[in-house]
Amino acid sequence: MPRYSAVAGKRGEVVKRVQFTASQEIERDAEEAHAVSAEVVGEQVRDDRDGRLVNEVDTAAGNILRWSALTEEKKAAWSEYRLELLDVPQQAGFPTNVTWPIKP
């Protein structure tokens, strides 16, 4: 089924529809495939991040006995690590170029 682009008039109304050329179709398909793959990679990176939060941070911060045994310096380091993990999706290269924070 052919795809069309709409050409808008001065008031935003559709004045005509133009069928995409074959090269535009190929380019559009490639853009859509890239967007889907980036979305999948983003989900995988978020899953990795979530696993690190549960398996690394929550075992220290979520256990009151372990947490209270830490020095203030260690608590601050774990808190910073947690915030850096939460900020992974805001990195400029996300999702394909991620710099993981170093666990304290």
N, C-alpha and C. Protein backbone atom coordinates (compact mmCIF):
# COMPACT_ATOMS: atom_id res chain seq x y z
N MET A 1 0.84 -1.17 0.00
CA MET A 1 0.00 0.00 0.00
C MET A 1 0.90 1.24 0.00
N PRO A 2 0.71 2.14 -0.94
CA PRO A 2 1.56 3.32 -1.01
C PRO A 2 1.29 4.28 0.14
N ARG A 3 2.33 5.00 0.53
CA ARG A 3 2.19 6.01 1.57
C ARG A 3 2.20 7.39 0.92
N TYR A 4 1.55 8.31 1.60
CA TYR A 4 1.42 9.66 1.07
C TYR A 4 1.89 10.67 2.11
N SER A 5 2.36 11.79 1.63
CA SER A 5 2.62 12.91 2.53
C SER A 5 1.56 13.97 2.21
N ALA A 6 1.14 14.67 3.23
CA ALA A 6 0.13 15.70 3.06
C ALA A 6 0.82 17.05 2.89
N VAL A 7 0.32 17.84 2.00
CA VAL A 7 0.82 19.20 1.81
C VAL A 7 -0.23 20.13 2.39
N ALA A 8 0.19 20.93 3.37
CA ALA A 8 -0.74 21.80 4.06
C ALA A 8 -0.79 23.17 3.40
N GLY A 9 -1.96 23.73 3.43
CA GLY A 9 -2.14 25.09 2.92
C GLY A 9 -1.79 26.11 3.99
N LYS A 10 -2.08 27.37 3.72
CA LYS A 10 -1.74 28.46 4.64
C LYS A 10 -2.43 28.33 5.99
N ARG A 11 -3.61 27.77 6.01
CA ARG A 11 -4.38 27.64 7.25
C ARG A 11 -4.22 26.26 7.90
N GLY A 12 -3.31 25.46 7.39
CA GLY A 12 -3.06 24.15 7.96
C GLY A 12 -3.91 23.05 7.37
N GLU A 13 -4.84 23.38 6.46
CA GLU A 13 -5.68 22.35 5.86
C GLU A 13 -4.88 21.58 4.81
N VAL A 14 -5.24 20.35 4.59
CA VAL A 14 -4.59 19.53 3.57
C VAL A 14 -5.08 19.98 2.21
N VAL A 15 -4.16 20.40 1.36
CA VAL A 15 -4.55 20.86 0.03
C VAL A 15 -4.30 19.80 -1.03
N LYS A 16 -3.35 18.90 -0.76
CA LYS A 16 -3.16 17.78 -1.67
C LYS A 16 -2.32 16.72 -0.97
N ARG A 17 -2.39 15.51 -1.50
CA ARG A 17 -1.60 14.40 -1.00
C ARG A 17 -0.65 13.98 -2.10
N VAL A 18 0.62 13.79 -1.73
CA VAL A 18 1.63 13.41 -2.70
C VAL A 18 2.16 12.03 -2.33
N GLN A 19 2.16 11.11 -3.28
CA GLN A 19 2.65 9.76 -3.01
C GLN A 19 4.17 9.79 -2.89
N PHE A 20 4.68 9.07 -1.89
CA PHE A 20 6.13 8.96 -1.72
C PHE A 20 6.74 8.26 -2.93
N THR A 21 7.95 8.66 -3.28
CA THR A 21 8.69 7.95 -4.33
C THR A 21 9.27 6.69 -3.72
N ALA A 22 9.78 5.79 -4.56
CA ALA A 22 10.37 4.55 -4.07
C ALA A 22 11.53 4.83 -3.12
N SER A 23 12.38 5.80 -3.46
CA SER A 23 13.52 6.11 -2.59
C SER A 23 13.06 6.70 -1.26
N GLN A 24 11.98 7.49 -1.29
CA GLN A 24 11.43 8.02 -0.04
C GLN A 24 10.86 6.89 0.82
N GLU A 25 10.22 5.92 0.18
CA GLU A 25 9.69 4.75 0.90
C GLU A 25 10.82 4.00 1.60
N ILE A 26 11.92 3.76 0.88
CA ILE A 26 13.06 3.03 1.44
C ILE A 26 13.66 3.82 2.60
N GLU A 27 13.83 5.12 2.43
CA GLU A 27 14.39 5.96 3.49
C GLU A 27 13.48 5.97 4.72
N ARG A 28 12.19 6.06 4.48
CA ARG A 28 11.23 6.07 5.58
C ARG A 28 11.24 4.73 6.32
N ASP A 29 11.31 3.62 5.58
CA ASP A 29 11.38 2.30 6.21
C ASP A 29 12.64 2.17 7.06
N ALA A 30 13.77 2.68 6.56
CA ALA A 30 15.03 2.61 7.31
C ALA A 30 14.94 3.44 8.59
N GLU A 31 14.34 4.62 8.50
CA GLU A 31 14.17 5.47 9.69
C GLU A 31 13.29 4.78 10.73
N GLU A 32 12.22 4.15 10.28
CA GLU A 32 11.32 3.45 11.20
C GLU A 32 12.02 2.27 11.86
N ALA A 33 12.83 1.52 11.09
CA ALA A 33 13.56 0.37 11.64
C ALA A 33 14.58 0.84 12.65
N HIS A 34 15.26 1.95 12.36
CA HIS A 34 16.26 2.48 13.29
C HIS A 34 15.59 2.93 14.58
N ALA A 35 14.43 3.58 14.48
CA ALA A 35 13.72 4.03 15.66
C ALA A 35 13.28 2.86 16.53
N VAL A 36 12.82 1.78 15.90
CA VAL A 36 12.40 0.60 16.65
C VAL A 36 13.60 -0.04 17.33
N SER A 37 14.73 -0.18 16.62
CA SER A 37 15.90 -0.82 17.22
C SER A 37 16.45 0.03 18.35
N ALA A 38 16.44 1.36 18.22
CA ALA A 38 16.90 2.23 19.30
C ALA A 38 15.99 2.09 20.52
N GLU A 39 14.71 1.93 20.27
CA GLU A 39 13.76 1.75 21.36
C GLU A 39 14.02 0.44 22.11
N VAL A 40 14.30 -0.62 21.36
CA VAL A 40 14.59 -1.92 21.97
C VAL A 40 15.88 -1.85 22.78
N VAL A 41 16.91 -1.22 22.21
CA VAL A 41 18.18 -1.07 22.93
C VAL A 41 17.96 -0.25 24.20
N GLY A 42 17.17 0.81 24.10
CA GLY A 42 16.86 1.63 25.28
C GLY A 42 16.19 0.83 26.37
N GLU A 43 15.26 -0.04 25.99
CA GLU A 43 14.60 -0.90 26.98
C GLU A 43 15.60 -1.85 27.63
N GLN A 44 16.52 -2.40 26.85
CA GLN A 44 17.53 -3.31 27.39
C GLN A 44 18.46 -2.59 28.36
N VAL A 45 18.86 -1.38 28.01
CA VAL A 45 19.74 -0.61 28.89
C VAL A 45 19.01 -0.26 30.18
N ARG A 46 17.74 0.14 30.07
CA ARG A 46 16.96 0.44 31.28
C ARG A 46 16.81 -0.81 32.15
N ASP A 47 16.60 -1.98 31.53
CA ASP A 47 16.51 -3.22 32.30
C ASP A 47 17.82 -3.51 33.03
N ASP A 48 18.94 -3.28 32.36
CA ASP A 48 20.25 -3.47 32.98
C ASP A 48 20.39 -2.51 34.16
N ARG A 49 20.04 -1.25 33.94
CA ARG A 49 20.10 -0.25 35.00
C ARG A 49 19.22 -0.65 36.20
N ASP A 50 17.99 -1.10 35.91
CA ASP A 50 17.08 -1.51 36.97
C ASP A 50 17.63 -2.68 37.76
N GLY A 51 18.28 -3.62 37.05
CA GLY A 51 18.91 -4.76 37.72
C GLY A 51 20.02 -4.32 38.66
N ARG A 52 20.81 -3.36 38.22
CA ARG A 52 21.88 -2.83 39.08
C ARG A 52 21.30 -2.14 40.31
N LEU A 53 20.21 -1.42 40.13
CA LEU A 53 19.58 -0.76 41.28
C LEU A 53 19.09 -1.80 42.29
N VAL A 54 18.44 -2.84 41.81
CA VAL A 54 17.90 -3.86 42.71
C VAL A 54 19.00 -4.70 43.35
N ASN A 55 19.94 -5.17 42.54
CA ASN A 55 20.94 -6.11 43.03
C ASN A 55 22.14 -5.48 43.73
N GLU A 56 22.40 -4.21 43.44
CA GLU A 56 23.56 -3.57 44.05
C GLU A 56 23.17 -2.51 45.08
N VAL A 57 22.32 -1.58 44.68
CA VAL A 57 21.99 -0.46 45.56
C VAL A 57 21.00 -0.87 46.64
N ASP A 58 19.93 -1.54 46.25
CA ASP A 58 18.91 -1.89 47.23
C ASP A 58 19.41 -2.84 48.31
N THR A 59 20.38 -3.68 47.97
CA THR A 59 20.91 -4.59 49.00
C THR A 59 21.66 -3.83 50.07
N ALA A 60 22.22 -2.68 49.73
CA ALA A 60 22.92 -1.87 50.73
C ALA A 60 21.98 -0.84 51.36
N ALA A 61 21.32 -0.05 50.51
CA ALA A 61 20.48 1.04 51.01
C ALA A 61 19.15 0.55 51.57
N GLY A 62 18.67 -0.57 51.09
CA GLY A 62 17.37 -1.07 51.53
C GLY A 62 17.41 -1.88 52.82
N ASN A 63 18.60 -2.17 53.29
CA ASN A 63 18.74 -2.93 54.53
C ASN A 63 19.19 -1.97 55.62
N ILE A 64 18.32 -1.69 56.56
CA ILE A 64 18.60 -0.68 57.59
C ILE A 64 19.84 -1.02 58.41
N LEU A 65 20.06 -2.30 58.66
CA LEU A 65 21.25 -2.68 59.45
C LEU A 65 22.53 -2.43 58.66
N ARG A 66 22.53 -2.81 57.39
CA ARG A 66 23.71 -2.55 56.57
C ARG A 66 23.93 -1.05 56.38
N TRP A 67 22.84 -0.34 56.11
CA TRP A 67 22.95 1.09 55.86
C TRP A 67 23.47 1.82 57.09
N SER A 68 22.96 1.50 58.25
CA SER A 68 23.39 2.19 59.47
C SER A 68 24.84 1.87 59.84
N ALA A 69 25.36 0.74 59.35
CA ALA A 69 26.75 0.38 59.62
C ALA A 69 27.74 1.13 58.71
N LEU A 70 27.23 1.75 57.66
CA LEU A 70 28.11 2.47 56.73
C LEU A 70 28.51 3.84 57.29
N THR A 71 29.71 4.29 56.91
CA THR A 71 30.13 5.64 57.27
C THR A 71 29.33 6.64 56.44
N GLU A 72 29.32 7.89 56.86
CA GLU A 72 28.62 8.93 56.10
C GLU A 72 29.21 9.05 54.69
N GLU A 73 30.51 8.86 54.59
CA GLU A 73 31.18 8.92 53.28
C GLU A 73 30.66 7.81 52.36
N LYS A 74 30.54 6.60 52.89
CA LYS A 74 30.03 5.46 52.10
C LYS A 74 28.56 5.67 51.73
N LYS A 75 27.78 6.19 52.66
CA LYS A 75 26.37 6.46 52.36
C LYS A 75 26.25 7.47 51.22
N ALA A 76 27.08 8.51 51.28
CA ALA A 76 27.06 9.52 50.22
C ALA A 76 27.47 8.90 48.88
N ALA A 77 28.47 8.02 48.90
CA ALA A 77 28.93 7.37 47.67
C ALA A 77 27.82 6.49 47.08
N TRP A 78 27.12 5.73 47.92
CA TRP A 78 26.03 4.88 47.43
C TRP A 78 24.87 5.72 46.91
N SER A 79 24.58 6.82 47.59
CA SER A 79 23.50 7.71 47.15
C SER A 79 23.84 8.32 45.79
N GLU A 80 25.10 8.74 45.62
CA GLU A 80 25.54 9.31 44.34
C GLU A 80 25.48 8.26 43.24
N TYR A 81 25.91 7.05 43.54
CA TYR A 81 25.86 5.95 42.56
C TYR A 81 24.42 5.69 42.12
N ARG A 82 23.51 5.69 43.08
CA ARG A 82 22.09 5.46 42.76
C ARG A 82 21.57 6.56 41.83
N LEU A 83 21.88 7.81 42.14
CA LEU A 83 21.43 8.93 41.30
C LEU A 83 22.04 8.84 39.90
N GLU A 84 23.31 8.46 39.81
CA GLU A 84 23.95 8.32 38.50
C GLU A 84 23.30 7.20 37.68
N LEU A 85 22.91 6.11 38.34
CA LEU A 85 22.20 5.04 37.63
C LEU A 85 20.85 5.53 37.12
N LEU A 86 20.14 6.27 37.96
CA LEU A 86 18.84 6.79 37.56
C LEU A 86 18.96 7.77 36.39
N ASP A 87 20.10 8.45 36.29
CA ASP A 87 20.31 9.44 35.23
C ASP A 87 20.85 8.85 33.93
N VAL A 88 21.10 7.55 33.88
CA VAL A 88 21.64 6.92 32.66
C VAL A 88 20.81 7.27 31.42
N PRO A 89 19.48 7.21 31.45
CA PRO A 89 18.71 7.54 30.23
C PRO A 89 18.84 9.00 29.78
N GLN A 90 19.34 9.88 30.64
CA GLN A 90 19.50 11.28 30.26
C GLN A 90 20.88 11.56 29.64
N GLN A 91 21.75 10.54 29.58
CA GLN A 91 23.06 10.75 28.98
C GLN A 91 22.92 11.07 27.50
N ALA A 92 23.84 11.88 27.01
CA ALA A 92 23.79 12.33 25.61
C ALA A 92 23.81 11.17 24.62
N GLY A 93 24.55 10.12 24.88
CA GLY A 93 24.67 9.01 23.93
C GLY A 93 23.65 7.90 24.12
N PHE A 94 22.74 8.05 25.07
CA PHE A 94 21.75 7.01 25.35
C PHE A 94 20.91 6.74 24.10
N PRO A 95 20.63 5.52 23.75
CA PRO A 95 20.91 4.27 24.45
C PRO A 95 22.14 3.52 23.94
N THR A 96 22.76 4.00 22.89
CA THR A 96 23.84 3.21 22.28
C THR A 96 25.21 3.48 22.86
N ASN A 97 25.39 4.61 23.52
CA ASN A 97 26.69 4.95 24.07
C ASN A 97 26.49 5.40 25.52
N VAL A 98 26.53 4.43 26.44
CA VAL A 98 26.26 4.70 27.84
C VAL A 98 27.54 4.55 28.64
N THR A 99 27.78 5.49 29.54
CA THR A 99 28.89 5.39 30.49
C THR A 99 28.29 5.00 31.84
N TRP A 100 28.61 3.78 32.25
CA TRP A 100 28.06 3.29 33.51
C TRP A 100 28.86 3.86 34.67
N PRO A 101 28.15 4.29 35.74
CA PRO A 101 28.87 4.76 36.93
C PRO A 101 29.59 3.60 37.61
N ILE A 102 30.61 3.95 38.38
CA ILE A 102 31.40 2.93 39.07
C ILE A 102 30.79 2.70 40.46
N LYS A 103 30.57 1.43 40.75
CA LYS A 103 29.97 1.04 42.03
C LYS A 103 30.97 1.34 43.15
N PRO A 104 30.48 1.95 44.25
CA PRO A 104 31.39 2.24 45.38
C PRO A 104 31.92 0.96 46.03
